[in-house]
Amino acid sequence: MHGFEAVKIKAAREWQNRFNRGLRRIRDELAPAKVPPYGVCLCSRRARFEDILVFPAGGFLEALWKGEIIS
């Protein structure tokens, strides 16, 4: 179990690299806590941007309910 989870939610149809800045800053500020960063948008499938896992909104909720993200 992690102490923190970082989630950024955007009402965009595709994830843009500039959305990662805040997530990276949280990760860097809270290091060495190893904060897992997640992005959520209106995209159609999961994608990875370096260490940031981006979910479509429905996929994020499904993973959350299954305990795959925050347990």
PDB file of N, CA and C in Angstrom:
ATOM      1  N   MET A   1       0.835  -1.182   0.000  1.00  0.00           N
ATOM      2  CA  MET A   1       0.000   0.000   0.000  1.00  0.00           C
ATOM      3  C   MET A   1       0.881   1.246   0.000  1.00  0.00           C
ATOM      4  N   HIS A   2       0.507   2.215  -0.775  1.00  0.00           N
ATOM      5  CA  HIS A   2       1.247   3.462  -0.894  1.00  0.00           C
ATOM      6  C   HIS A   2       0.653   4.500   0.052  1.00  0.00           C
ATOM      7  N   GLY A   3       1.469   5.468   0.415  1.00  0.00           N
ATOM      8  CA  GLY A   3       0.967   6.552   1.234  1.00  0.00           C
ATOM      9  C   GLY A   3       0.158   7.547   0.431  1.00  0.00           C
ATOM     10  N   PHE A   4       0.497   7.701  -0.850  1.00  0.00           N
ATOM     11  CA  PHE A   4      -0.167   8.662  -1.717  1.00  0.00           C
ATOM     12  C   PHE A   4      -0.378   8.068  -3.098  1.00  0.00           C
ATOM     13  N   GLU A   5      -1.386   8.536  -3.773  1.00  0.00           N
ATOM     14  CA  GLU A   5      -1.636   8.255  -5.185  1.00  0.00           C
ATOM     15  C   GLU A   5      -1.890   9.616  -5.822  1.00  0.00           C
ATOM     16  N   ALA A   6      -1.310   9.882  -6.966  1.00  0.00           N
ATOM     17  CA  ALA A   6      -1.529  11.146  -7.669  1.00  0.00           C
ATOM     18  C   ALA A   6      -2.396  10.879  -8.891  1.00  0.00           C
ATOM     19  N   VAL A   7      -3.521  11.595  -8.993  1.00  0.00           N
ATOM     20  CA  VAL A   7      -4.444  11.413 -10.105  1.00  0.00           C
ATOM     21  C   VAL A   7      -4.761  12.778 -10.701  1.00  0.00           C
ATOM     22  N   LYS A   8      -4.602  12.883 -12.010  1.00  0.00           N
ATOM     23  CA  LYS A   8      -4.965  14.106 -12.717  1.00  0.00           C
ATOM     24  C   LYS A   8      -6.066  13.749 -13.698  1.00  0.00           C
ATOM     25  N   ILE A   9      -7.163  14.476 -13.645  1.00  0.00           N
ATOM     26  CA  ILE A   9      -8.312  14.210 -14.501  1.00  0.00           C
ATOM     27  C   ILE A   9      -8.489  15.384 -15.456  1.00  0.00           C
ATOM     28  N   LYS A  10      -8.553  15.066 -16.737  1.00  0.00           N
ATOM     29  CA  LYS A  10      -8.704  16.090 -17.762  1.00  0.00           C
ATOM     30  C   LYS A  10      -9.910  15.753 -18.649  1.00  0.00           C
ATOM     31  N   ALA A  11     -10.668  16.769 -19.020  1.00  0.00           N
ATOM     32  CA  ALA A  11     -11.803  16.590 -19.930  1.00  0.00           C
ATOM     33  C   ALA A  11     -11.305  16.756 -21.365  1.00  0.00           C
ATOM     34  N   ALA A  12     -10.317  15.961 -21.729  1.00  0.00           N
ATOM     35  CA  ALA A  12      -9.724  16.012 -23.063  1.00  0.00           C
ATOM     36  C   ALA A  12      -9.898  14.651 -23.725  1.00  0.00           C
ATOM     37  N   ARG A  13     -10.011  14.631 -25.018  1.00  0.00           N
ATOM     38  CA  ARG A  13     -10.177  13.373 -25.752  1.00  0.00           C
ATOM     39  C   ARG A  13      -8.879  12.595 -25.895  1.00  0.00           C
ATOM     40  N   GLU A  14      -7.758  13.277 -25.737  1.00  0.00           N
ATOM     41  CA  GLU A  14      -6.464  12.584 -25.750  1.00  0.00           C
ATOM     42  C   GLU A  14      -5.530  13.246 -24.745  1.00  0.00           C
ATOM     43  N   TRP A  15      -4.668  12.421 -24.173  1.00  0.00           N
ATOM     44  CA  TRP A  15      -3.724  12.888 -23.159  1.00  0.00           C
ATOM     45  C   TRP A  15      -2.581  13.621 -23.842  1.00  0.00           C
ATOM     46  N   GLN A  16      -2.230  14.766 -23.296  1.00  0.00           N
ATOM     47  CA  GLN A  16      -1.131  15.540 -23.852  1.00  0.00           C
ATOM     48  C   GLN A  16       0.031  15.530 -22.865  1.00  0.00           C
ATOM     49  N   ASN A  17       1.225  15.523 -23.379  1.00  0.00           N
ATOM     50  CA  ASN A  17       2.413  15.450 -22.548  1.00  0.00           C
ATOM     51  C   ASN A  17       2.473  16.585 -21.520  1.00  0.00           C
ATOM     52  N   ARG A  18       1.942  17.746 -21.850  1.00  0.00           N
ATOM     53  CA  ARG A  18       1.979  18.875 -20.910  1.00  0.00           C
ATOM     54  C   ARG A  18       1.146  18.609 -19.653  1.00  0.00           C
ATOM     55  N   PHE A  19       0.201  17.685 -19.717  1.00  0.00           N
ATOM     56  CA  PHE A  19      -0.595  17.335 -18.541  1.00  0.00           C
ATOM     57  C   PHE A  19       0.253  16.650 -17.469  1.00  0.00           C
ATOM     58  N   ASN A  20       1.406  16.146 -17.844  1.00  0.00           N
ATOM     59  CA  ASN A  20       2.255  15.388 -16.926  1.00  0.00           C
ATOM     60  C   ASN A  20       3.016  16.258 -15.932  1.00  0.00           C
ATOM     61  N   ARG A  21       3.136  17.546 -16.199  1.00  0.00           N
ATOM     62  CA  ARG A  21       3.971  18.404 -15.345  1.00  0.00           C
ATOM     63  C   ARG A  21       3.583  18.348 -13.873  1.00  0.00           C
ATOM     64  N   GLY A  22       2.318  18.514 -13.569  1.00  0.00           N
ATOM     65  CA  GLY A  22       1.877  18.494 -12.175  1.00  0.00           C
ATOM     66  C   GLY A  22       2.095  17.145 -11.515  1.00  0.00           C
ATOM     67  N   LEU A  23       1.841  16.076 -12.256  1.00  0.00           N
ATOM     68  CA  LEU A  23       2.050  14.736 -11.713  1.00  0.00           C
ATOM     69  C   LEU A  23       3.527  14.485 -11.421  1.00  0.00           C
ATOM     70  N   ARG A  24       4.384  14.943 -12.309  1.00  0.00           N
ATOM     71  CA  ARG A  24       5.828  14.784 -12.075  1.00  0.00           C
ATOM     72  C   ARG A  24       6.283  15.610 -10.873  1.00  0.00           C
ATOM     73  N   ARG A  25       5.718  16.776 -10.726  1.00  0.00           N
ATOM     74  CA  ARG A  25       6.110  17.617  -9.587  1.00  0.00           C
ATOM     75  C   ARG A  25       5.695  16.956  -8.267  1.00  0.00           C
ATOM     76  N   ILE A  26       4.496  16.428  -8.218  1.00  0.00           N
ATOM     77  CA  ILE A  26       4.049  15.716  -7.010  1.00  0.00           C
ATOM     78  C   ILE A  26       4.989  14.550  -6.728  1.00  0.00           C
ATOM     79  N   ARG A  27       5.300  13.781  -7.752  1.00  0.00           N
ATOM     80  CA  ARG A  27       6.207  12.640  -7.596  1.00  0.00           C
ATOM     81  C   ARG A  27       7.555  13.094  -7.051  1.00  0.00           C
ATOM     82  N   ASP A  28       8.097  14.158  -7.608  1.00  0.00           N
ATOM     83  CA  ASP A  28       9.406  14.649  -7.181  1.00  0.00           C
ATOM     84  C   ASP A  28       9.373  15.228  -5.771  1.00  0.00           C
ATOM     85  N   GLU A  29       8.313  15.944  -5.432  1.00  0.00           N
ATOM     86  CA  GLU A  29       8.198  16.566  -4.108  1.00  0.00           C
ATOM     87  C   GLU A  29       8.036  15.526  -2.998  1.00  0.00           C
ATOM     88  N   LEU A  30       7.340  14.444  -3.307  1.00  0.00           N
ATOM     89  CA  LEU A  30       7.063  13.431  -2.285  1.00  0.00           C
ATOM     90  C   LEU A  30       8.044  12.264  -2.308  1.00  0.00           C
ATOM     91  N   ALA A  31       9.031  12.325  -3.173  1.00  0.00           N
ATOM     92  CA  ALA A  31      10.042  11.264  -3.212  1.00  0.00           C
ATOM     93  C   ALA A  31      10.754  11.231  -1.874  1.00  0.00           C
ATOM     94  N   PRO A  32      11.099  10.120  -1.342  1.00  0.00           N
ATOM     95  CA  PRO A  32      11.102   8.775  -1.906  1.00  0.00           C
ATOM     96  C   PRO A  32       9.826   7.987  -1.619  1.00  0.00           C
ATOM     97  N   ALA A  33       8.709   8.653  -1.422  1.00  0.00           N
ATOM     98  CA  ALA A  33       7.457   7.967  -1.111  1.00  0.00           C
ATOM     99  C   ALA A  33       6.942   7.126  -2.287  1.00  0.00           C
ATOM    100  N   LYS A  34       7.540   7.285  -3.464  1.00  0.00           N
ATOM    101  CA  LYS A  34       7.139   6.517  -4.648  1.00  0.00           C
ATOM    102  C   LYS A  34       5.648   6.659  -4.914  1.00  0.00           C
ATOM    103  N   VAL A  35       5.254   7.857  -5.252  1.00  0.00           N
ATOM    104  CA  VAL A  35       3.863   8.179  -5.529  1.00  0.00           C
ATOM    105  C   VAL A  35       3.515   7.711  -6.940  1.00  0.00           C
ATOM    106  N   PRO A  36       2.621   6.744  -7.089  1.00  0.00           N
ATOM    107  CA  PRO A  36       2.231   6.312  -8.423  1.00  0.00           C
ATOM    108  C   PRO A  36       1.352   7.388  -9.084  1.00  0.00           C
ATOM    109  N   PRO A  37       1.736   7.880 -10.271  1.00  0.00           N
ATOM    110  CA  PRO A  37       0.936   8.897 -10.952  1.00  0.00           C
ATOM    111  C   PRO A  37      -0.004   8.281 -11.989  1.00  0.00           C
ATOM    112  N   TYR A  38      -1.255   8.742 -11.993  1.00  0.00           N
ATOM    113  CA  TYR A  38      -2.262   8.280 -12.937  1.00  0.00           C
ATOM    114  C   TYR A  38      -2.900   9.472 -13.621  1.00  0.00           C
ATOM    115  N   GLY A  39      -3.227   9.305 -14.882  1.00  0.00           N
ATOM    116  CA  GLY A  39      -3.979  10.292 -15.626  1.00  0.00           C
ATOM    117  C   GLY A  39      -5.300   9.687 -16.046  1.00  0.00           C
ATOM    118  N   VAL A  40      -6.324  10.527 -16.120  1.00  0.00           N
ATOM    119  CA  VAL A  40      -7.649  10.088 -16.552  1.00  0.00           C
ATOM    120  C   VAL A  40      -8.155  11.108 -17.570  1.00  0.00           C
ATOM    121  N   CYS A  41      -8.636  10.616 -18.706  1.00  0.00           N
ATOM    122  CA  CYS A  41      -9.189  11.519 -19.712  1.00  0.00           C
ATOM    123  C   CYS A  41     -10.297  10.797 -20.479  1.00  0.00           C
ATOM    124  N   LEU A  42     -10.811  11.444 -21.495  1.00  0.00           N
ATOM    125  CA  LEU A  42     -11.887  10.875 -22.296  1.00  0.00           C
ATOM    126  C   LEU A  42     -11.349  10.074 -23.485  1.00  0.00           C
ATOM    127  N   CYS A  43     -10.146   9.535 -23.330  1.00  0.00           N
ATOM    128  CA  CYS A  43      -9.523   8.745 -24.388  1.00  0.00           C
ATOM    129  C   CYS A  43     -10.206   7.383 -24.508  1.00  0.00           C
ATOM    130  N   SER A  44      -9.844   6.629 -25.530  1.00  0.00           N
ATOM    131  CA  SER A  44     -10.507   5.344 -25.777  1.00  0.00           C
ATOM    132  C   SER A  44      -9.755   4.136 -25.217  1.00  0.00           C
ATOM    133  N   ARG A  45      -8.462   4.310 -24.865  1.00  0.00           N
ATOM    134  CA  ARG A  45      -7.708   3.163 -24.333  1.00  0.00           C
ATOM    135  C   ARG A  45      -6.591   3.637 -23.405  1.00  0.00           C
ATOM    136  N   ARG A  46      -6.076   2.689 -22.631  1.00  0.00           N
ATOM    137  CA  ARG A  46      -4.967   2.988 -21.718  1.00  0.00           C
ATOM    138  C   ARG A  46      -3.706   3.308 -22.513  1.00  0.00           C
ATOM    139  N   ALA A  47      -2.884   4.150 -21.911  1.00  0.00           N
ATOM    140  CA  ALA A  47      -1.595   4.485 -22.533  1.00  0.00           C
ATOM    141  C   ALA A  47      -0.609   4.789 -21.410  1.00  0.00           C
ATOM    142  N   ARG A  48       0.668   4.698 -21.715  1.00  0.00           N
ATOM    143  CA  ARG A  48       1.694   5.026 -20.740  1.00  0.00           C
ATOM    144  C   ARG A  48       2.546   6.151 -21.310  1.00  0.00           C
ATOM    145  N   PHE A  49       2.728   7.193 -20.509  1.00  0.00           N
ATOM    146  CA  PHE A  49       3.593   8.311 -20.842  1.00  0.00           C
ATOM    147  C   PHE A  49       4.708   8.315 -19.815  1.00  0.00           C
ATOM    148  N   GLU A  50       5.830   7.692 -20.189  1.00  0.00           N
ATOM    149  CA  GLU A  50       6.944   7.456 -19.281  1.00  0.00           C
ATOM    150  C   GLU A  50       6.421   6.673 -18.079  1.00  0.00           C
ATOM    151  N   ASP A  51       6.418   7.248 -16.887  1.00  0.00           N
ATOM    152  CA  ASP A  51       5.964   6.520 -15.695  1.00  0.00           C
ATOM    153  C   ASP A  51       4.505   6.796 -15.350  1.00  0.00           C
ATOM    154  N   ILE A  52       3.782   7.510 -16.196  1.00  0.00           N
ATOM    155  CA  ILE A  52       2.390   7.879 -15.916  1.00  0.00           C
ATOM    156  C   ILE A  52       1.464   6.979 -16.727  1.00  0.00           C
ATOM    157  N   LEU A  53       0.590   6.270 -16.010  1.00  0.00           N
ATOM    158  CA  LEU A  53      -0.388   5.406 -16.657  1.00  0.00           C
ATOM    159  C   LEU A  53      -1.671   6.197 -16.836  1.00  0.00           C
ATOM    160  N   VAL A  54      -2.135   6.307 -18.079  1.00  0.00           N
ATOM    161  CA  VAL A  54      -3.325   7.091 -18.403  1.00  0.00           C
ATOM    162  C   VAL A  54      -4.462   6.140 -18.738  1.00  0.00           C
ATOM    163  N   PHE A  55      -5.605   6.384 -18.113  1.00  0.00           N
ATOM    164  CA  PHE A  55      -6.794   5.557 -18.287  1.00  0.00           C
ATOM    165  C   PHE A  55      -7.902   6.342 -18.969  1.00  0.00           C
ATOM    166  N   PRO A  56      -8.749   5.667 -19.758  1.00  0.00           N
ATOM    167  CA  PRO A  56     -10.023   6.284 -20.118  1.00  0.00           C
ATOM    168  C   PRO A  56     -10.859   6.346 -18.837  1.00  0.00           C
ATOM    169  N   ALA A  57     -11.762   7.294 -18.754  1.00  0.00           N
ATOM    170  CA  ALA A  57     -12.504   7.518 -17.508  1.00  0.00           C
ATOM    171  C   ALA A  57     -13.182   6.241 -16.989  1.00  0.00           C
ATOM    172  N   GLY A  58     -13.885   5.536 -17.852  1.00  0.00           N
ATOM    173  CA  GLY A  58     -14.558   4.304 -17.430  1.00  0.00           C
ATOM    174  C   GLY A  58     -13.579   3.232 -16.989  1.00  0.00           C
ATOM    175  N   GLY A  59     -12.466   3.120 -17.669  1.00  0.00           N
ATOM    176  CA  GLY A  59     -11.442   2.140 -17.312  1.00  0.00           C
ATOM    177  C   GLY A  59     -10.805   2.441 -15.966  1.00  0.00           C
ATOM    178  N   PHE A  60     -10.640   3.732 -15.664  1.00  0.00           N
ATOM    179  CA  PHE A  60     -10.092   4.118 -14.370  1.00  0.00           C
ATOM    180  C   PHE A  60     -11.041   3.721 -13.252  1.00  0.00           C
ATOM    181  N   LEU A  61     -12.326   4.013 -13.434  1.00  0.00           N
ATOM    182  CA  LEU A  61     -13.305   3.646 -12.402  1.00  0.00           C
ATOM    183  C   LEU A  61     -13.380   2.137 -12.216  1.00  0.00           C
ATOM    184  N   GLU A  62     -13.320   1.398 -13.301  1.00  0.00           N
ATOM    185  CA  GLU A  62     -13.347  -0.060 -13.212  1.00  0.00           C
ATOM    186  C   GLU A  62     -12.136  -0.582 -12.435  1.00  0.00           C
ATOM    187  N   ALA A  63     -10.948  -0.082 -12.765  1.00  0.00           N
ATOM    188  CA  ALA A  63      -9.729  -0.499 -12.062  1.00  0.00           C
ATOM    189  C   ALA A  63      -9.783  -0.082 -10.589  1.00  0.00           C
ATOM    190  N   LEU A  64     -10.348   1.074 -10.322  1.00  0.00           N
ATOM    191  CA  LEU A  64     -10.487   1.548  -8.946  1.00  0.00           C
ATOM    192  C   LEU A  64     -11.412   0.630  -8.153  1.00  0.00           C
ATOM    193  N   TRP A  65     -12.560   0.282  -8.723  1.00  0.00           N
ATOM    194  CA  TRP A  65     -13.513  -0.601  -8.053  1.00  0.00           C
ATOM    195  C   TRP A  65     -12.929  -1.991  -7.807  1.00  0.00           C
ATOM    196  N   LYS A  66     -12.078  -2.449  -8.714  1.00  0.00           N
ATOM    197  CA  LYS A  66     -11.456  -3.776  -8.564  1.00  0.00           C
ATOM    198  C   LYS A  66     -10.287  -3.760  -7.590  1.00  0.00           C
ATOM    199  N   GLY A  67      -9.889  -2.579  -7.109  1.00  0.00           N
ATOM    200  CA  GLY A  67      -8.776  -2.491  -6.192  1.00  0.00           C
ATOM    201  C   GLY A  67      -7.416  -2.547  -6.880  1.00  0.00           C
ATOM    202  N   GLU A  68      -7.368  -2.330  -8.189  1.00  0.00           N
ATOM    203  CA  GLU A  68      -6.115  -2.394  -8.938  1.00  0.00           C
ATOM    204  C   GLU A  68      -5.296  -1.111  -8.793  1.00  0.00           C
ATOM    205  N   ILE A  69      -5.920  -0.027  -8.395  1.00  0.00           N
ATOM    206  CA  ILE A  69      -5.215   1.252  -8.288  1.00  0.00           C
ATOM    207  C   ILE A  69      -4.955   1.602  -6.834  1.00  0.00           C
ATOM    208  N   ILE A  70      -5.991   1.770  -6.084  1.00  0.00           N
ATOM    209  CA  ILE A  70      -5.864   2.108  -4.664  1.00  0.00           C
ATOM    210  C   ILE A  70      -6.473   0.955  -3.884  1.00  0.00           C
ATOM    211  N   SER A  71      -5.664   0.308  -3.101  1.00  0.00           N
ATOM    212  CA  SER A  71      -6.203  -0.845  -2.360  1.00  0.00           C
ATOM    213  C   SER A  71      -6.078  -0.653  -0.874  1.00  0.00           C
TER     214      SER A  71
END
